[in-house]
PDB file of N, CA and C in Angstrom:
ATOM      1  N   MET A   1       0.845  -1.174   0.000  1.00  0.00           N
ATOM      2  CA  MET A   1       0.000   0.000   0.000  1.00  0.00           C
ATOM      3  C   MET A   1       0.893   1.241   0.000  1.00  0.00           C
ATOM      4  N   THR A   2       0.495   2.242  -0.780  1.00  0.00           N
ATOM      5  CA  THR A   2       1.206   3.511  -0.843  1.00  0.00           C
ATOM      6  C   THR A   2       0.291   4.588  -0.297  1.00  0.00           C
ATOM      7  N   VAL A   3       0.851   5.530   0.450  1.00  0.00           N
ATOM      8  CA  VAL A   3       0.056   6.610   1.036  1.00  0.00           C
ATOM      9  C   VAL A   3       0.665   7.933   0.610  1.00  0.00           C
ATOM     10  N   PHE A   4      -0.154   8.815   0.052  1.00  0.00           N
ATOM     11  CA  PHE A   4       0.285  10.162  -0.303  1.00  0.00           C
ATOM     12  C   PHE A   4      -0.453  11.157   0.572  1.00  0.00           C
ATOM     13  N   PRO A   5       0.241  12.180   1.044  1.00  0.00           N
ATOM     14  CA  PRO A   5      -0.487  13.272   1.687  1.00  0.00           C
ATOM     15  C   PRO A   5      -1.191  14.063   0.591  1.00  0.00           C
ATOM     16  N   SER A   6      -2.430  14.423   0.811  1.00  0.00           N
ATOM     17  CA  SER A   6      -3.208  15.124  -0.206  1.00  0.00           C
ATOM     18  C   SER A   6      -3.367  16.590   0.170  1.00  0.00           C
ATOM     19  N   ASN A   7      -2.319  17.377  -0.031  1.00  0.00           N
ATOM     20  CA  ASN A   7      -2.358  18.826   0.186  1.00  0.00           C
ATOM     21  C   ASN A   7      -2.925  19.199   1.556  1.00  0.00           C
ATOM     22  N   GLY A   8      -2.510  18.494   2.591  1.00  0.00           N
ATOM     23  CA  GLY A   8      -2.956  18.779   3.939  1.00  0.00           C
ATOM     24  C   GLY A   8      -4.335  18.232   4.266  1.00  0.00           C
ATOM     25  N   GLU A   9      -4.994  17.633   3.291  1.00  0.00           N
ATOM     26  CA  GLU A   9      -6.322  17.071   3.526  1.00  0.00           C
ATOM     27  C   GLU A   9      -6.147  15.610   3.919  1.00  0.00           C
ATOM     28  N   ARG A  10      -7.144  14.790   3.587  1.00  0.00           N
ATOM     29  CA  ARG A  10      -7.037  13.371   3.919  1.00  0.00           C
ATOM     30  C   ARG A  10      -5.907  12.717   3.126  1.00  0.00           C
ATOM     31  N   LYS A  11      -5.392  11.655   3.667  1.00  0.00           N
ATOM     32  CA  LYS A  11      -4.344  10.918   2.961  1.00  0.00           C
ATOM     33  C   LYS A  11      -4.980   9.984   1.942  1.00  0.00           C
ATOM     34  N   ILE A  12      -4.314   9.836   0.798  1.00  0.00           N
ATOM     35  CA  ILE A  12      -4.807   8.954  -0.248  1.00  0.00           C
ATOM     36  C   ILE A  12      -4.043   7.645  -0.143  1.00  0.00           C
ATOM     37  N   LYS A  13      -4.744   6.566   0.158  1.00  0.00           N
ATOM     38  CA  LYS A  13      -4.132   5.246   0.283  1.00  0.00           C
ATOM     39  C   LYS A  13      -4.521   4.432  -0.945  1.00  0.00           C
ATOM     40  N   PHE A  14      -3.520   3.857  -1.607  1.00  0.00           N
ATOM     41  CA  PHE A  14      -3.825   3.077  -2.801  1.00  0.00           C
ATOM     42  C   PHE A  14      -2.814   1.972  -3.006  1.00  0.00           C
ATOM     43  N   ILE A  15      -3.169   1.042  -3.873  1.00  0.00           N
ATOM     44  CA  ILE A  15      -2.312  -0.085  -4.229  1.00  0.00           C
ATOM     45  C   ILE A  15      -2.077  -0.027  -5.728  1.00  0.00           C
ATOM     46  N   PHE A  16      -0.806  -0.007  -6.137  1.00  0.00           N
ATOM     47  CA  PHE A  16      -0.491  -0.034  -7.563  1.00  0.00           C
ATOM     48  C   PHE A  16      -0.835  -1.408  -8.124  1.00  0.00           C
ATOM     49  N   ASP A  17      -1.581  -1.449  -9.231  1.00  0.00           N
ATOM     50  CA  ASP A  17      -1.881  -2.706  -9.907  1.00  0.00           C
ATOM     51  C   ASP A  17      -0.895  -2.966 -11.041  1.00  0.00           C
ATOM     52  N   GLU A  18      -0.697  -1.951 -11.899  1.00  0.00           N
ATOM     53  CA  GLU A  18       0.228  -2.149 -13.018  1.00  0.00           C
ATOM     54  C   GLU A  18       0.641  -0.812 -13.625  1.00  0.00           C
ATOM     55  N   LEU A  19       1.786  -0.840 -14.286  1.00  0.00           N
ATOM     56  CA  LEU A  19       2.256   0.291 -15.064  1.00  0.00           C
ATOM     57  C   LEU A  19       1.637   0.151 -16.447  1.00  0.00           C
ATOM     58  N   VAL A  20       0.912   1.178 -16.905  1.00  0.00           N
ATOM     59  CA  VAL A  20       0.163   1.101 -18.151  1.00  0.00           C
ATOM     60  C   VAL A  20       0.896   1.760 -19.312  1.00  0.00           C
ATOM     61  N   PHE A  21       1.580   2.875 -19.045  1.00  0.00           N
ATOM     62  CA  PHE A  21       2.186   3.662 -20.112  1.00  0.00           C
ATOM     63  C   PHE A  21       3.382   4.431 -19.572  1.00  0.00           C
ATOM     64  N   VAL A  22       4.429   4.567 -20.393  1.00  0.00           N
ATOM     65  CA  VAL A  22       5.615   5.347 -20.024  1.00  0.00           C
ATOM     66  C   VAL A  22       6.057   6.144 -21.237  1.00  0.00           C
ATOM     67  N   ASN A  23       6.389   7.421 -21.018  1.00  0.00           N
ATOM     68  CA  ASN A  23       7.093   8.197 -22.036  1.00  0.00           C
ATOM     69  C   ASN A  23       8.130   9.064 -21.341  1.00  0.00           C
ATOM     70  N   SER A  24       8.742   9.982 -22.048  1.00  0.00           N
ATOM     71  CA  SER A  24       9.835  10.761 -21.461  1.00  0.00           C
ATOM     72  C   SER A  24       9.364  11.748 -20.393  1.00  0.00           C
ATOM     73  N   LYS A  25       8.077  12.088 -20.375  1.00  0.00           N
ATOM     74  CA  LYS A  25       7.572  13.080 -19.424  1.00  0.00           C
ATOM     75  C   LYS A  25       6.712  12.509 -18.310  1.00  0.00           C
ATOM     76  N   SER A  26       6.160  11.321 -18.520  1.00  0.00           N
ATOM     77  CA  SER A  26       5.205  10.828 -17.529  1.00  0.00           C
ATOM     78  C   SER A  26       5.118   9.305 -17.513  1.00  0.00           C
ATOM     79  N   LYS A  27       4.432   8.823 -16.464  1.00  0.00           N
ATOM     80  CA  LYS A  27       4.093   7.410 -16.333  1.00  0.00           C
ATOM     81  C   LYS A  27       2.631   7.335 -15.925  1.00  0.00           C
ATOM     82  N   VAL A  28       1.926   6.339 -16.438  1.00  0.00           N
ATOM     83  CA  VAL A  28       0.527   6.131 -16.073  1.00  0.00           C
ATOM     84  C   VAL A  28       0.420   4.765 -15.402  1.00  0.00           C
ATOM     85  N   PHE A  29      -0.175   4.764 -14.210  1.00  0.00           N
ATOM     86  CA  PHE A  29      -0.356   3.539 -13.432  1.00  0.00           C
ATOM     87  C   PHE A  29      -1.837   3.272 -13.231  1.00  0.00           C
ATOM     88  N   LYS A  30      -2.212   1.995 -13.226  1.00  0.00           N
ATOM     89  CA  LYS A  30      -3.546   1.609 -12.794  1.00  0.00           C
ATOM     90  C   LYS A  30      -3.416   1.276 -11.313  1.00  0.00           C
ATOM     91  N   CYS A  31      -4.359   1.738 -10.507  1.00  0.00           N
ATOM     92  CA  CYS A  31      -4.295   1.474  -9.073  1.00  0.00           C
ATOM     93  C   CYS A  31      -5.700   1.258  -8.519  1.00  0.00           C
ATOM     94  N   ARG A  32      -5.755   0.802  -7.282  1.00  0.00           N
ATOM     95  CA  ARG A  32      -7.012   0.652  -6.554  1.00  0.00           C
ATOM     96  C   ARG A  32      -6.926   1.478  -5.290  1.00  0.00           C
ATOM     97  N   LEU A  33      -7.955   2.282  -5.035  1.00  0.00           N
ATOM     98  CA  LEU A  33      -7.992   3.044  -3.796  1.00  0.00           C
ATOM     99  C   LEU A  33      -8.295   2.104  -2.643  1.00  0.00           C
ATOM    100  N   PHE A  34      -7.581   2.268  -1.562  1.00  0.00           N
ATOM    101  CA  PHE A  34      -7.709   1.388  -0.406  1.00  0.00           C
ATOM    102  C   PHE A  34      -9.071   1.552   0.279  1.00  0.00           C
ATOM    103  N   ASP A  35      -9.610   2.783   0.301  1.00  0.00           N
ATOM    104  CA  ASP A  35     -10.860   3.051   1.018  1.00  0.00           C
ATOM    105  C   ASP A  35     -12.050   2.287   0.461  1.00  0.00           C
ATOM    106  N   ASP A  36     -12.234   2.342  -0.867  1.00  0.00           N
ATOM    107  CA  ASP A  36     -13.434   1.738  -1.446  1.00  0.00           C
ATOM    108  C   ASP A  36     -13.133   0.712  -2.549  1.00  0.00           C
ATOM    109  N   ASN A  37     -11.859   0.385  -2.737  1.00  0.00           N
ATOM    110  CA  ASN A  37     -11.408  -0.597  -3.721  1.00  0.00           C
ATOM    111  C   ASN A  37     -11.764  -0.207  -5.164  1.00  0.00           C
ATOM    112  N   SER A  38     -12.059   1.088  -5.389  1.00  0.00           N
ATOM    113  CA  SER A  38     -12.377   1.543  -6.744  1.00  0.00           C
ATOM    114  C   SER A  38     -11.092   1.658  -7.557  1.00  0.00           C
ATOM    115  N   GLN A  39     -11.222   1.415  -8.845  1.00  0.00           N
ATOM    116  CA  GLN A  39     -10.059   1.456  -9.722  1.00  0.00           C
ATOM    117  C   GLN A  39      -9.889   2.861 -10.288  1.00  0.00           C
ATOM    118  N   LYS A  40      -8.663   3.369 -10.292  1.00  0.00           N
ATOM    119  CA  LYS A  40      -8.339   4.696 -10.809  1.00  0.00           C
ATOM    120  C   LYS A  40      -7.062   4.595 -11.630  1.00  0.00           C
ATOM    121  N   TYR A  41      -6.787   5.642 -12.398  1.00  0.00           N
ATOM    122  CA  TYR A  41      -5.499   5.788 -13.057  1.00  0.00           C
ATOM    123  C   TYR A  41      -4.771   6.944 -12.411  1.00  0.00           C
ATOM    124  N   ILE A  42      -3.471   6.799 -12.273  1.00  0.00           N
ATOM    125  CA  ILE A  42      -2.630   7.873 -11.766  1.00  0.00           C
ATOM    126  C   ILE A  42      -1.635   8.215 -12.860  1.00  0.00           C
ATOM    127  N   THR A  43      -1.591   9.482 -13.230  1.00  0.00           N
ATOM    128  CA  THR A  43      -0.560   9.956 -14.147  1.00  0.00           C
ATOM    129  C   THR A  43       0.452  10.717 -13.314  1.00  0.00           C
ATOM    130  N   ALA A  44       1.706  10.305 -13.371  1.00  0.00           N
ATOM    131  CA  ALA A  44       2.793  10.973 -12.652  1.00  0.00           C
ATOM    132  C   ALA A  44       3.619  11.740 -13.675  1.00  0.00           C
ATOM    133  N   ILE A  45       3.681  13.058 -13.512  1.00  0.00           N
ATOM    134  CA  ILE A  45       4.420  13.920 -14.433  1.00  0.00           C
ATOM    135  C   ILE A  45       5.594  14.525 -13.687  1.00  0.00           C
ATOM    136  N   ALA A  46       6.790  14.359 -14.223  1.00  0.00           N
ATOM    137  CA  ALA A  46       7.971  14.966 -13.617  1.00  0.00           C
ATOM    138  C   ALA A  46       7.899  16.471 -13.817  1.00  0.00           C
ATOM    139  N   LYS A  47       7.986  17.231 -12.729  1.00  0.00           N
ATOM    140  CA  LYS A  47       7.885  18.687 -12.838  1.00  0.00           C
ATOM    141  C   LYS A  47       9.000  19.261 -13.700  1.00  0.00           C
ATOM    142  N   ALA A  48      10.155  18.617 -13.721  1.00  0.00           N
ATOM    143  CA  ALA A  48      11.268  19.082 -14.546  1.00  0.00           C
ATOM    144  C   ALA A  48      10.961  18.938 -16.037  1.00  0.00           C
ATOM    145  N   ALA A  49      10.023  18.073 -16.386  1.00  0.00           N
ATOM    146  CA  ALA A  49       9.671  17.846 -17.794  1.00  0.00           C
ATOM    147  C   ALA A  49       8.768  18.938 -18.346  1.00  0.00           C
ATOM    148  N   VAL A  50       8.230  19.776 -17.468  1.00  0.00           N
ATOM    149  CA  VAL A  50       7.331  20.851 -17.886  1.00  0.00           C
ATOM    150  C   VAL A  50       8.080  22.170 -17.768  1.00  0.00           C
ATOM    151  N   ASP A  51       8.198  22.900 -18.881  1.00  0.00           N
ATOM    152  CA  ASP A  51       8.920  24.170 -18.820  1.00  0.00           C
ATOM    153  C   ASP A  51       8.071  25.229 -18.117  1.00  0.00           C
ATOM    154  N   ASN A  52       8.739  26.287 -17.639  1.00  0.00           N
ATOM    155  CA  ASN A  52       8.064  27.316 -16.848  1.00  0.00           C
ATOM    156  C   ASN A  52       6.950  28.023 -17.605  1.00  0.00           C
ATOM    157  N   SER A  53       7.084  28.177 -18.901  1.00  0.00           N
ATOM    158  CA  SER A  53       6.053  28.870 -19.668  1.00  0.00           C
ATOM    159  C   SER A  53       4.759  28.057 -19.727  1.00  0.00           C
ATOM    160  N   SER A  54       4.848  26.766 -19.571  1.00  0.00           N
ATOM    161  CA  SER A  54       3.663  25.897 -19.625  1.00  0.00           C
ATOM    162  C   SER A  54       2.990  25.721 -18.268  1.00  0.00           C
ATOM    163  N   THR A  55       3.685  26.039 -17.193  1.00  0.00           N
ATOM    164  CA  THR A  55       3.186  25.752 -15.847  1.00  0.00           C
ATOM    165  C   THR A  55       1.839  26.404 -15.574  1.00  0.00           C
ATOM    166  N   GLU A  56       1.691  27.696 -15.860  1.00  0.00           N
ATOM    167  CA  GLU A  56       0.432  28.390 -15.594  1.00  0.00           C
ATOM    168  C   GLU A  56      -0.708  27.842 -16.457  1.00  0.00           C
ATOM    169  N   THR A  57      -0.411  27.522 -17.705  1.00  0.00           N
ATOM    170  CA  THR A  57      -1.426  26.951 -18.586  1.00  0.00           C
ATOM    171  C   THR A  57      -1.893  25.604 -18.059  1.00  0.00           C
ATOM    172  N   ILE A  58      -0.965  24.775 -17.620  1.00  0.00           N
ATOM    173  CA  ILE A  58      -1.304  23.456 -17.087  1.00  0.00           C
ATOM    174  C   ILE A  58      -2.155  23.605 -15.828  1.00  0.00           C
ATOM    175  N   LYS A  59      -1.780  24.519 -14.933  1.00  0.00           N
ATOM    176  CA  LYS A  59      -2.566  24.739 -13.715  1.00  0.00           C
ATOM    177  C   LYS A  59      -3.994  25.167 -14.051  1.00  0.00           C
ATOM    178  N   ARG A  60      -4.139  26.058 -15.019  1.00  0.00           N
ATOM    179  CA  ARG A  60      -5.462  26.529 -15.428  1.00  0.00           C
ATOM    180  C   ARG A  60      -6.289  25.388 -16.028  1.00  0.00           C
ATOM    181  N   GLU A  61      -5.656  24.573 -16.883  1.00  0.00           N
ATOM    182  CA  GLU A  61      -6.358  23.446 -17.497  1.00  0.00           C
ATOM    183  C   GLU A  61      -6.813  22.424 -16.448  1.00  0.00           C
ATOM    184  N   ILE A  62      -5.942  22.123 -15.497  1.00  0.00           N
ATOM    185  CA  ILE A  62      -6.298  21.170 -14.434  1.00  0.00           C
ATOM    186  C   ILE A  62      -7.438  21.729 -13.594  1.00  0.00           C
ATOM    187  N   ASN A  63      -7.381  23.021 -13.280  1.00  0.00           N
ATOM    188  CA  ASN A  63      -8.448  23.642 -12.492  1.00  0.00           C
ATOM    189  C   ASN A  63      -9.782  23.561 -13.232  1.00  0.00           C
ATOM    190  N   ASN A  64      -9.770  23.839 -14.530  1.00  0.00           N
ATOM    191  CA  ASN A  64     -11.003  23.738 -15.322  1.00  0.00           C
ATOM    192  C   ASN A  64     -11.487  22.290 -15.412  1.00  0.00           C
ATOM    193  N   TRP A  65     -10.573  21.355 -15.541  1.00  0.00           N
ATOM    194  CA  TRP A  65     -10.899  19.938 -15.676  1.00  0.00           C
ATOM    195  C   TRP A  65     -11.664  19.424 -14.462  1.00  0.00           C
ATOM    196  N   ARG A  66     -11.338  19.934 -13.284  1.00  0.00           N
ATOM    197  CA  ARG A  66     -11.997  19.487 -12.050  1.00  0.00           C
ATOM    198  C   ARG A  66     -13.509  19.685 -12.106  1.00  0.00           C
ATOM    199  N   TYR A  67     -13.968  20.700 -12.832  1.00  0.00           N
ATOM    200  CA  TYR A  67     -15.390  21.049 -12.855  1.00  0.00           C
ATOM    201  C   TYR A  67     -16.154  20.428 -14.017  1.00  0.00           C
ATOM    202  N   LEU A  68     -15.462  19.741 -14.907  1.00  0.00           N
ATOM    203  CA  LEU A  68     -16.133  19.117 -16.045  1.00  0.00           C
ATOM    204  C   LEU A  68     -16.799  17.815 -15.609  1.00  0.00           C
ATOM    205  N   ASP A  69     -18.026  17.639 -16.024  1.00  0.00           N
ATOM    206  CA  ASP A  69     -18.758  16.420 -15.702  1.00  0.00           C
ATOM    207  C   ASP A  69     -19.550  16.015 -16.939  1.00  0.00           C
ATOM    208  N   HIS A  70     -18.965  15.135 -17.727  1.00  0.00           N
ATOM    209  CA  HIS A  70     -19.577  14.699 -18.983  1.00  0.00           C
ATOM    210  C   HIS A  70     -19.167  13.249 -19.226  1.00  0.00           C
ATOM    211  N   PRO A  71     -20.045  12.414 -19.766  1.00  0.00           N
ATOM    212  CA  PRO A  71     -19.704  10.998 -19.958  1.00  0.00           C
ATOM    213  C   PRO A  71     -18.548  10.749 -20.922  1.00  0.00           C
ATOM    214  N   ASN A  72     -18.223  11.710 -21.778  1.00  0.00           N
ATOM    215  CA  ASN A  72     -17.130  11.536 -22.736  1.00  0.00           C
ATOM    216  C   ASN A  72     -15.802  12.104 -22.249  1.00  0.00           C
ATOM    217  N   ILE A  73     -15.763  12.593 -21.014  1.00  0.00           N
ATOM    218  CA  ILE A  73     -14.547  13.187 -20.456  1.00  0.00           C
ATOM    219  C   ILE A  73     -14.125  12.391 -19.225  1.00  0.00           C
ATOM    220  N   VAL A  74     -12.861  11.988 -19.176  1.00  0.00           N
ATOM    221  CA  VAL A  74     -12.335  11.266 -18.016  1.00  0.00           C
ATOM    222  C   VAL A  74     -12.385  12.194 -16.807  1.00  0.00           C
ATOM    223  N   ARG A  75     -12.929  11.716 -15.714  1.00  0.00           N
ATOM    224  CA  ARG A  75     -13.114  12.526 -14.495  1.00  0.00           C
ATOM    225  C   ARG A  75     -11.807  12.621 -13.720  1.00  0.00           C
ATOM    226  N   LEU A  76     -11.424  13.851 -13.365  1.00  0.00           N
ATOM    227  CA  LEU A  76     -10.256  14.108 -12.525  1.00  0.00           C
ATOM    228  C   LEU A  76     -10.723  14.206 -11.086  1.00  0.00           C
ATOM    229  N   TYR A  77     -10.149  13.372 -10.191  1.00  0.00           N
ATOM    230  CA  TYR A  77     -10.563  13.374  -8.795  1.00  0.00           C
ATOM    231  C   TYR A  77      -9.731  14.305  -7.935  1.00  0.00           C
ATOM    232  N   CYS A  78      -8.421  14.266  -8.073  1.00  0.00           N
ATOM    233  CA  CYS A  78      -7.582  15.176  -7.304  1.00  0.00           C
ATOM    234  C   CYS A  78      -6.180  15.199  -7.899  1.00  0.00           C
ATOM    235  N   THR A  79      -5.418  16.177  -7.485  1.00  0.00           N
ATOM    236  CA  THR A  79      -4.014  16.293  -7.887  1.00  0.00           C
ATOM    237  C   THR A  79      -3.184  16.526  -6.635  1.00  0.00           C
ATOM    238  N   LEU A  80      -1.929  16.177  -6.719  1.00  0.00           N
ATOM    239  CA  LEU A  80      -1.005  16.497  -5.634  1.00  0.00           C
ATOM    240  C   LEU A  80       0.420  16.463  -6.150  1.00  0.00           C
ATOM    241  N   THR A  81       1.280  17.148  -5.435  1.00  0.00           N
ATOM    242  CA  THR A  81       2.703  17.154  -5.751  1.00  0.00           C
ATOM    243  C   THR A  81       3.419  16.427  -4.629  1.00  0.00           C
ATOM    244  N   TYR A  82       4.292  15.499  -5.008  1.00  0.00           N
ATOM    245  CA  TYR A  82       5.004  14.688  -4.023  1.00  0.00           C
ATOM    246  C   TYR A  82       6.357  14.310  -4.595  1.00  0.00           C
ATOM    247  N   GLN A  83       7.418  14.652  -3.896  1.00  0.00           N
ATOM    248  CA  GLN A  83       8.795  14.324  -4.273  1.00  0.00           C
ATOM    249  C   GLN A  83       9.113  14.689  -5.723  1.00  0.00           C
ATOM    250  N   GLY A  84       8.768  15.925  -6.105  1.00  0.00           N
ATOM    251  CA  GLY A  84       9.121  16.431  -7.423  1.00  0.00           C
ATOM    252  C   GLY A  84       8.266  15.923  -8.569  1.00  0.00           C
ATOM    253  N   LEU A  85       7.178  15.229  -8.262  1.00  0.00           N
ATOM    254  CA  LEU A  85       6.263  14.734  -9.294  1.00  0.00           C
ATOM    255  C   LEU A  85       4.877  15.335  -9.087  1.00  0.00           C
ATOM    256  N   GLN A  86       4.184  15.618 -10.175  1.00  0.00           N
ATOM    257  CA  GLN A  86       2.781  16.042 -10.116  1.00  0.00           C
ATOM    258  C   GLN A  86       1.931  14.813 -10.399  1.00  0.00           C
ATOM    259  N   PHE A  87       1.010  14.478  -9.516  1.00  0.00           N
ATOM    260  CA  PHE A  87       0.157  13.301  -9.670  1.00  0.00           C
ATOM    261  C   PHE A  87      -1.266  13.734  -9.970  1.00  0.00           C
ATOM    262  N   LEU A  88      -1.883  13.099 -10.978  1.00  0.00           N
ATOM    263  CA  LEU A  88      -3.278  13.327 -11.335  1.00  0.00           C
ATOM    264  C   LEU A  88      -4.022  12.019 -11.121  1.00  0.00           C
ATOM    265  N   PHE A  89      -5.025  12.019 -10.254  1.00  0.00           N
ATOM    266  CA  PHE A  89      -5.830  10.826 -10.003  1.00  0.00           C
ATOM    267  C   PHE A  89      -7.100  10.922 -10.844  1.00  0.00           C
ATOM    268  N   MET A  90      -7.307   9.944 -11.751  1.00  0.00           N
ATOM    269  CA  MET A  90      -8.426   9.970 -12.672  1.00  0.00           C
ATOM    270  C   MET A  90      -9.227   8.686 -12.576  1.00  0.00           C
ATOM    271  N   GLU A  91     -10.476   8.755 -13.087  1.00  0.00           N
ATOM    272  CA  GLU A  91     -11.297   7.553 -13.106  1.00  0.00           C
ATOM    273  C   GLU A  91     -10.664   6.504 -14.007  1.00  0.00           C
ATOM    274  N   ALA A  92     -11.022   5.262 -13.790  1.00  0.00           N
ATOM    275  CA  ALA A  92     -10.455   4.170 -14.587  1.00  0.00           C
ATOM    276  C   ALA A  92     -11.297   3.982 -15.838  1.00  0.00           C
ATOM    277  N   GLY A  93     -11.233   4.949 -16.708  1.00  0.00           N
ATOM    278  CA  GLY A  93     -11.845   4.851 -18.021  1.00  0.00           C
ATOM    279  C   GLY A  93     -10.713   4.619 -19.000  1.00  0.00           C
ATOM    280  N   VAL A  94     -10.348   5.638 -19.692  1.00  0.00           N
ATOM    281  CA  VAL A  94      -9.217   5.577 -20.614  1.00  0.00           C
ATOM    282  C   VAL A  94      -8.102   6.417 -20.004  1.00  0.00           C
ATOM    283  N   PRO A  95      -6.900   5.867 -19.799  1.00  0.00           N
ATOM    284  CA  PRO A  95      -5.828   6.659 -19.198  1.00  0.00           C
ATOM    285  C   PRO A  95      -5.381   7.771 -20.130  1.00  0.00           C
ATOM    286  N   VAL A  96      -5.031   8.903 -19.544  1.00  0.00           N
ATOM    287  CA  VAL A  96      -4.544  10.048 -20.309  1.00  0.00           C
ATOM    288  C   VAL A  96      -3.048   9.904 -20.498  1.00  0.00           C
ATOM    289  N   LYS A  97      -2.580   9.983 -21.718  1.00  0.00           N
ATOM    290  CA  LYS A  97      -1.159   9.886 -22.016  1.00  0.00           C
ATOM    291  C   LYS A  97      -0.631  11.275 -22.315  1.00  0.00           C
ATOM    292  N   VAL A  98       0.288  11.746 -21.483  1.00  0.00           N
ATOM    293  CA  VAL A  98       0.839  13.101 -21.619  1.00  0.00           C
ATOM    294  C   VAL A  98       2.067  13.078 -22.498  1.00  0.00           C
TER     295      VAL A  98
END
């Protein structure tokens, strides 16, 4: 079991199931949340892989994504930064490849 602090809120406890995708900027993992055994995808993006000019745009896009609720859009549950990586927790539909 892996535990991440969630921006001072509740801790996110999960179990990695498998590595789904890897590229030079990110990794996508399938995992199960410990609380309710629901399946999610986690995209881990190395902060060093994102240049400074893109940072504000990415933050704005993630903020907008949180409020989208449509059957054709993968739902974003939460984000957090941990040990130099940005983590995006998404529903287990289709993983997002960055």
